Amino acid sequence: MSAVGGVLVAAPVALPAAVVSVGGYLLLGGSIIGAVSQTAISSEEYGEKSRKSGENSSENSPGESGNQP
């Protein structure tokens, strides 16, 4: 989507203002969709990461193991 917008905005021939405007909006929309897709993670992936961090924090916390005074 952003590639099409980029082509319309940077076209070497004279295009009507409406077409260039639409190209700008396509470029903006494609950029926003790209940013959102990079930050989104699946719930399964998030669950695995939170379980791993939970296991590490319980191992390192004092008083949990019973070996420390």
PDB file of N, CA and C in Angstrom:
ATOM      1  N   MET A   1       0.827  -1.181   0.000  1.00  0.00           N
ATOM      2  CA  MET A   1       0.000   0.000   0.000  1.00  0.00           C
ATOM      3  C   MET A   1       0.877   1.252   0.000  1.00  0.00           C
ATOM      4  N   SER A   2       1.896   1.262   0.840  1.00  0.00           N
ATOM      5  CA  SER A   2       2.762   2.438   0.872  1.00  0.00           C
ATOM      6  C   SER A   2       3.613   2.529  -0.390  1.00  0.00           C
ATOM      7  N   ALA A   3       3.894   1.387  -1.017  1.00  0.00           N
ATOM      8  CA  ALA A   3       4.664   1.419  -2.260  1.00  0.00           C
ATOM      9  C   ALA A   3       3.867   2.095  -3.376  1.00  0.00           C
ATOM     10  N   VAL A   4       2.579   1.794  -3.446  1.00  0.00           N
ATOM     11  CA  VAL A   4       1.722   2.428  -4.457  1.00  0.00           C
ATOM     12  C   VAL A   4       1.635   3.928  -4.191  1.00  0.00           C
ATOM     13  N   GLY A   5       1.477   4.301  -2.930  1.00  0.00           N
ATOM     14  CA  GLY A   5       1.432   5.720  -2.572  1.00  0.00           C
ATOM     15  C   GLY A   5       2.719   6.436  -2.923  1.00  0.00           C
ATOM     16  N   GLY A   6       3.839   5.792  -2.688  1.00  0.00           N
ATOM     17  CA  GLY A   6       5.130   6.385  -3.010  1.00  0.00           C
ATOM     18  C   GLY A   6       5.304   6.597  -4.499  1.00  0.00           C
ATOM     19  N   VAL A   7       4.823   5.648  -5.292  1.00  0.00           N
ATOM     20  CA  VAL A   7       4.908   5.783  -6.746  1.00  0.00           C
ATOM     21  C   VAL A   7       4.043   6.945  -7.219  1.00  0.00           C
ATOM     22  N   LEU A   8       2.840   7.064  -6.659  1.00  0.00           N
ATOM     23  CA  LEU A   8       1.946   8.151  -7.077  1.00  0.00           C
ATOM     24  C   LEU A   8       2.488   9.517  -6.673  1.00  0.00           C
ATOM     25  N   VAL A   9       3.080   9.604  -5.501  1.00  0.00           N
ATOM     26  CA  VAL A   9       3.595  10.896  -5.038  1.00  0.00           C
ATOM     27  C   VAL A   9       4.844  11.294  -5.818  1.00  0.00           C
ATOM     28  N   ALA A  10       5.705  10.329  -6.119  1.00  0.00           N
ATOM     29  CA  ALA A  10       6.977  10.632  -6.770  1.00  0.00           C
ATOM     30  C   ALA A  10       6.954  10.380  -8.277  1.00  0.00           C
ATOM     31  N   ALA A  11       5.790  10.348  -8.882  1.00  0.00           N
ATOM     32  CA  ALA A  11       5.690  10.082 -10.325  1.00  0.00           C
ATOM     33  C   ALA A  11       6.401  11.182 -11.119  1.00  0.00           C
ATOM     34  N   PRO A  12       7.170  10.780 -12.137  1.00  0.00           N
ATOM     35  CA  PRO A  12       7.915  11.776 -12.919  1.00  0.00           C
ATOM     36  C   PRO A  12       7.036  12.570 -13.897  1.00  0.00           C
ATOM     37  N   VAL A  13       5.792  12.152 -14.074  1.00  0.00           N
ATOM     38  CA  VAL A  13       4.888  12.877 -14.973  1.00  0.00           C
ATOM     39  C   VAL A  13       3.910  13.698 -14.136  1.00  0.00           C
ATOM     40  N   ALA A  14       3.339  14.710 -14.741  1.00  0.00           N
ATOM     41  CA  ALA A  14       2.377  15.564 -14.042  1.00  0.00           C
ATOM     42  C   ALA A  14       1.060  14.810 -13.868  1.00  0.00           C
ATOM     43  N   LEU A  15       0.655  14.653 -12.629  1.00  0.00           N
ATOM     44  CA  LEU A  15      -0.611  13.987 -12.313  1.00  0.00           C
ATOM     45  C   LEU A  15      -1.554  15.011 -11.689  1.00  0.00           C
ATOM     46  N   PRO A  16      -2.848  14.768 -11.808  1.00  0.00           N
ATOM     47  CA  PRO A  16      -3.795  15.679 -11.158  1.00  0.00           C
ATOM     48  C   PRO A  16      -3.580  15.722  -9.647  1.00  0.00           C
ATOM     49  N   ALA A  17      -3.925  16.832  -9.035  1.00  0.00           N
ATOM     50  CA  ALA A  17      -3.714  17.023  -7.600  1.00  0.00           C
ATOM     51  C   ALA A  17      -4.453  15.979  -6.778  1.00  0.00           C
ATOM     52  N   ALA A  18      -5.614  15.556  -7.215  1.00  0.00           N
ATOM     53  CA  ALA A  18      -6.389  14.558  -6.473  1.00  0.00           C
ATOM     54  C   ALA A  18      -5.640  13.218  -6.412  1.00  0.00           C
ATOM     55  N   VAL A  19      -4.987  12.845  -7.519  1.00  0.00           N
ATOM     56  CA  VAL A  19      -4.252  11.580  -7.556  1.00  0.00           C
ATOM     57  C   VAL A  19      -3.042  11.650  -6.631  1.00  0.00           C
ATOM     58  N   VAL A  20      -2.358  12.769  -6.626  1.00  0.00           N
ATOM     59  CA  VAL A  20      -1.204  12.945  -5.743  1.00  0.00           C
ATOM     60  C   VAL A  20      -1.658  12.948  -4.288  1.00  0.00           C
ATOM     61  N   SER A  21      -2.814  13.540  -4.012  1.00  0.00           N
ATOM     62  CA  SER A  21      -3.366  13.543  -2.652  1.00  0.00           C
ATOM     63  C   SER A  21      -3.682  12.129  -2.188  1.00  0.00           C
ATOM     64  N   VAL A  22      -4.320  11.359  -3.054  1.00  0.00           N
ATOM     65  CA  VAL A  22      -4.641   9.961  -2.717  1.00  0.00           C
ATOM     66  C   VAL A  22      -3.345   9.186  -2.479  1.00  0.00           C
ATOM     67  N   GLY A  23      -2.330   9.453  -3.271  1.00  0.00           N
ATOM     68  CA  GLY A  23      -1.042   8.792  -3.075  1.00  0.00           C
ATOM     69  C   GLY A  23      -0.440   9.106  -1.720  1.00  0.00           C
ATOM     70  N   GLY A  24      -0.590  10.338  -1.274  1.00  0.00           N
ATOM     71  CA  GLY A  24      -0.099  10.710   0.051  1.00  0.00           C
ATOM     72  C   GLY A  24      -0.827   9.973   1.162  1.00  0.00           C
ATOM     73  N   TYR A  25      -2.147   9.841   1.005  1.00  0.00           N
ATOM     74  CA  TYR A  25      -2.919   9.109   2.013  1.00  0.00           C
ATOM     75  C   TYR A  25      -2.574   7.621   2.002  1.00  0.00           C
ATOM     76  N   LEU A  26      -2.344   7.051   0.827  1.00  0.00           N
ATOM     77  CA  LEU A  26      -1.927   5.649   0.761  1.00  0.00           C
ATOM     78  C   LEU A  26      -0.572   5.451   1.429  1.00  0.00           C
ATOM     79  N   LEU A  27       0.324   6.386   1.214  1.00  0.00           N
ATOM     80  CA  LEU A  27       1.646   6.322   1.829  1.00  0.00           C
ATOM     81  C   LEU A  27       1.536   6.391   3.351  1.00  0.00           C
ATOM     82  N   LEU A  28       0.717   7.288   3.849  1.00  0.00           N
ATOM     83  CA  LEU A  28       0.511   7.414   5.294  1.00  0.00           C
ATOM     84  C   LEU A  28      -0.125   6.156   5.876  1.00  0.00           C
ATOM     85  N   GLY A  29      -1.162   5.657   5.210  1.00  0.00           N
ATOM     86  CA  GLY A  29      -1.834   4.445   5.695  1.00  0.00           C
ATOM     87  C   GLY A  29      -0.907   3.245   5.718  1.00  0.00           C
ATOM     88  N   GLY A  30      -0.103   3.091   4.678  1.00  0.00           N
ATOM     89  CA  GLY A  30       0.844   1.978   4.645  1.00  0.00           C
ATOM     90  C   GLY A  30       1.887   2.076   5.735  1.00  0.00           C
ATOM     91  N   SER A  31       2.320   3.281   6.038  1.00  0.00           N
ATOM     92  CA  SER A  31       3.299   3.474   7.112  1.00  0.00           C
ATOM     93  C   SER A  31       2.705   3.118   8.465  1.00  0.00           C
ATOM     94  N   ILE A  32       1.472   3.528   8.700  1.00  0.00           N
ATOM     95  CA  ILE A  32       0.813   3.224   9.979  1.00  0.00           C
ATOM     96  C   ILE A  32       0.587   1.726  10.121  1.00  0.00           C
ATOM     97  N   ILE A  33       0.119   1.076   9.059  1.00  0.00           N
ATOM     98  CA  ILE A  33      -0.112  -0.374   9.113  1.00  0.00           C
ATOM     99  C   ILE A  33       1.202  -1.114   9.358  1.00  0.00           C
ATOM    100  N   GLY A  34       2.267  -0.661   8.732  1.00  0.00           N
ATOM    101  CA  GLY A  34       3.575  -1.293   8.954  1.00  0.00           C
ATOM    102  C   GLY A  34       4.048  -1.159  10.390  1.00  0.00           C
ATOM    103  N   ALA A  35       3.838   0.010  10.982  1.00  0.00           N
ATOM    104  CA  ALA A  35       4.254   0.219  12.371  1.00  0.00           C
ATOM    105  C   ALA A  35       3.432  -0.634  13.328  1.00  0.00           C
ATOM    106  N   VAL A  36       2.140  -0.717  13.101  1.00  0.00           N
ATOM    107  CA  VAL A  36       1.277  -1.521  13.974  1.00  0.00           C
ATOM    108  C   VAL A  36       1.609  -2.994  13.851  1.00  0.00           C
ATOM    109  N   SER A  37       1.878  -3.467  12.648  1.00  0.00           N
ATOM    110  CA  SER A  37       2.175  -4.885  12.472  1.00  0.00           C
ATOM    111  C   SER A  37       3.503  -5.273  13.114  1.00  0.00           C
ATOM    112  N   GLN A  38       4.423  -4.347  13.239  1.00  0.00           N
ATOM    113  CA  GLN A  38       5.693  -4.657  13.887  1.00  0.00           C
ATOM    114  C   GLN A  38       5.563  -4.716  15.407  1.00  0.00           C
ATOM    115  N   THR A  39       4.582  -4.024  15.965  1.00  0.00           N
ATOM    116  CA  THR A  39       4.434  -4.023  17.420  1.00  0.00           C
ATOM    117  C   THR A  39       3.483  -5.098  17.904  1.00  0.00           C
ATOM    118  N   ALA A  40       2.669  -5.641  17.043  1.00  0.00           N
ATOM    119  CA  ALA A  40       1.683  -6.641  17.448  1.00  0.00           C
ATOM    120  C   ALA A  40       2.353  -7.994  17.652  1.00  0.00           C
ATOM    121  N   ILE A  41       1.965  -8.694  18.725  1.00  0.00           N
ATOM    122  CA  ILE A  41       2.431 -10.050  18.967  1.00  0.00           C
ATOM    123  C   ILE A  41       1.226 -10.924  19.268  1.00  0.00           C
ATOM    124  N   SER A  42       1.356 -12.212  19.046  1.00  0.00           N
ATOM    125  CA  SER A  42       0.246 -13.115  19.314  1.00  0.00           C
ATOM    126  C   SER A  42       0.147 -13.390  20.810  1.00  0.00           C
ATOM    127  N   SER A  43      -1.031 -13.813  21.258  1.00  0.00           N
ATOM    128  CA  SER A  43      -1.212 -14.092  22.680  1.00  0.00           C
ATOM    129  C   SER A  43      -0.389 -15.305  23.111  1.00  0.00           C
ATOM    130  N   GLU A  44      -0.196 -16.272  22.211  1.00  0.00           N
ATOM    131  CA  GLU A  44       0.635 -17.428  22.543  1.00  0.00           C
ATOM    132  C   GLU A  44       2.079 -17.001  22.779  1.00  0.00           C
ATOM    133  N   GLU A  45       2.577 -16.149  21.924  1.00  0.00           N
ATOM    134  CA  GLU A  45       3.951 -15.669  22.070  1.00  0.00           C
ATOM    135  C   GLU A  45       4.096 -14.873  23.359  1.00  0.00           C
ATOM    136  N   TYR A  46       3.113 -14.039  23.689  1.00  0.00           N
ATOM    137  CA  TYR A  46       3.160 -13.253  24.909  1.00  0.00           C
ATOM    138  C   TYR A  46       3.115 -14.155  26.135  1.00  0.00           C
ATOM    139  N   GLY A  47       2.308 -15.184  26.102  1.00  0.00           N
ATOM    140  CA  GLY A  47       2.204 -16.102  27.229  1.00  0.00           C
ATOM    141  C   GLY A  47       3.501 -16.826  27.499  1.00  0.00           C
ATOM    142  N   GLU A  48       4.191 -17.245  26.447  1.00  0.00           N
ATOM    143  CA  GLU A  48       5.470 -17.924  26.622  1.00  0.00           C
ATOM    144  C   GLU A  48       6.500 -16.996  27.235  1.00  0.00           C
ATOM    145  N   LYS A  49       6.526 -15.750  26.795  1.00  0.00           N
ATOM    146  CA  LYS A  49       7.496 -14.802  27.326  1.00  0.00           C
ATOM    147  C   LYS A  49       7.210 -14.489  28.783  1.00  0.00           C
ATOM    148  N   SER A  50       5.941 -14.348  29.143  1.00  0.00           N
ATOM    149  CA  SER A  50       5.622 -14.007  30.533  1.00  0.00           C
ATOM    150  C   SER A  50       5.893 -15.187  31.455  1.00  0.00           C
ATOM    151  N   ARG A  51       5.684 -16.412  30.975  1.00  0.00           N
ATOM    152  CA  ARG A  51       5.992 -17.581  31.807  1.00  0.00           C
ATOM    153  C   ARG A  51       7.493 -17.696  32.030  1.00  0.00           C
ATOM    154  N   LYS A  52       8.281 -17.424  30.983  1.00  0.00           N
ATOM    155  CA  LYS A  52       9.731 -17.501  31.130  1.00  0.00           C
ATOM    156  C   LYS A  52      10.229 -16.455  32.122  1.00  0.00           C
ATOM    157  N   SER A  53       9.718 -15.253  32.044  1.00  0.00           N
ATOM    158  CA  SER A  53      10.173 -14.220  32.961  1.00  0.00           C
ATOM    159  C   SER A  53       9.689 -14.506  34.374  1.00  0.00           C
ATOM    160  N   GLY A  54       8.534 -15.119  34.517  1.00  0.00           N
ATOM    161  CA  GLY A  54       8.028 -15.471  35.842  1.00  0.00           C
ATOM    162  C   GLY A  54       8.884 -16.534  36.508  1.00  0.00           C
ATOM    163  N   GLU A  55       9.344 -17.509  35.711  1.00  0.00           N
ATOM    164  CA  GLU A  55      10.199 -18.557  36.260  1.00  0.00           C
ATOM    165  C   GLU A  55      11.529 -17.983  36.718  1.00  0.00           C
ATOM    166  N   ASN A  56      12.103 -17.091  35.946  1.00  0.00           N
ATOM    167  CA  ASN A  56      13.393 -16.505  36.300  1.00  0.00           C
ATOM    168  C   ASN A  56      13.291 -15.643  37.544  1.00  0.00           C
ATOM    169  N   SER A  57      12.224 -14.888  37.681  1.00  0.00           N
ATOM    170  CA  SER A  57      12.117 -14.003  38.828  1.00  0.00           C
ATOM    171  C   SER A  57      11.905 -14.789  40.113  1.00  0.00           C
ATOM    172  N   SER A  58      11.222 -15.930  40.071  1.00  0.00           N
ATOM    173  CA  SER A  58      11.009 -16.701  41.293  1.00  0.00           C
ATOM    174  C   SER A  58      12.290 -17.422  41.709  1.00  0.00           C
ATOM    175  N   GLU A  59      13.130 -17.776  40.742  1.00  0.00           N
ATOM    176  CA  GLU A  59      14.391 -18.428  41.085  1.00  0.00           C
ATOM    177  C   GLU A  59      15.364 -17.465  41.743  1.00  0.00           C
ATOM    178  N   ASN A  60      15.312 -16.214  41.370  1.00  0.00           N
ATOM    179  CA  ASN A  60      16.285 -15.243  41.854  1.00  0.00           C
ATOM    180  C   ASN A  60      15.819 -14.473  43.085  1.00  0.00           C
ATOM    181  N   SER A  61      14.586 -14.639  43.491  1.00  0.00           N
ATOM    182  CA  SER A  61      14.103 -13.849  44.619  1.00  0.00           C
ATOM    183  C   SER A  61      14.563 -14.466  45.931  1.00  0.00           C
ATOM    184  N   PRO A  62      15.029 -13.658  46.891  1.00  0.00           N
ATOM    185  CA  PRO A  62      15.514 -14.192  48.167  1.00  0.00           C
ATOM    186  C   PRO A  62      14.362 -14.722  49.016  1.00  0.00           C
ATOM    187  N   GLY A  63      14.656 -15.782  49.770  1.00  0.00           N
ATOM    188  CA  GLY A  63      13.674 -16.333  50.674  1.00  0.00           C
ATOM    189  C   GLY A  63      12.792 -17.388  50.030  1.00  0.00           C
ATOM    190  N   GLU A  64      12.804 -17.531  48.760  1.00  0.00           N
ATOM    191  CA  GLU A  64      11.977 -18.507  48.074  1.00  0.00           C
ATOM    192  C   GLU A  64      12.564 -19.914  48.205  1.00  0.00           C
ATOM    193  N   SER A  65      13.899 -20.034  48.146  1.00  0.00           N
ATOM    194  CA  SER A  65      14.522 -21.347  48.109  1.00  0.00           C
ATOM    195  C   SER A  65      14.653 -21.981  49.477  1.00  0.00           C
ATOM    196  N   GLY A  66      14.682 -21.194  50.526  1.00  0.00           N
ATOM    197  CA  GLY A  66      14.800 -21.735  51.862  1.00  0.00           C
ATOM    198  C   GLY A  66      16.235 -21.931  52.296  1.00  0.00           C
ATOM    199  N   ASN A  67      17.212 -21.789  51.409  1.00  0.00           N
ATOM    200  CA  ASN A  67      18.616 -21.961  51.729  1.00  0.00           C
ATOM    201  C   ASN A  67      19.249 -20.688  52.272  1.00  0.00           C
ATOM    202  N   GLN A  68      18.592 -19.576  52.111  1.00  0.00           N
ATOM    203  CA  GLN A  68      19.169 -18.316  52.555  1.00  0.00           C
ATOM    204  C   GLN A  68      18.638 -17.941  53.918  1.00  0.00           C
ATOM    205  N   PRO A  69      19.478 -17.302  54.775  1.00  0.00           N
ATOM    206  CA  PRO A  69      19.039 -16.958  56.142  1.00  0.00           C
ATOM    207  C   PRO A  69      18.010 -15.871  56.177  1.00  0.00           C
TER     208      PRO A  69
END
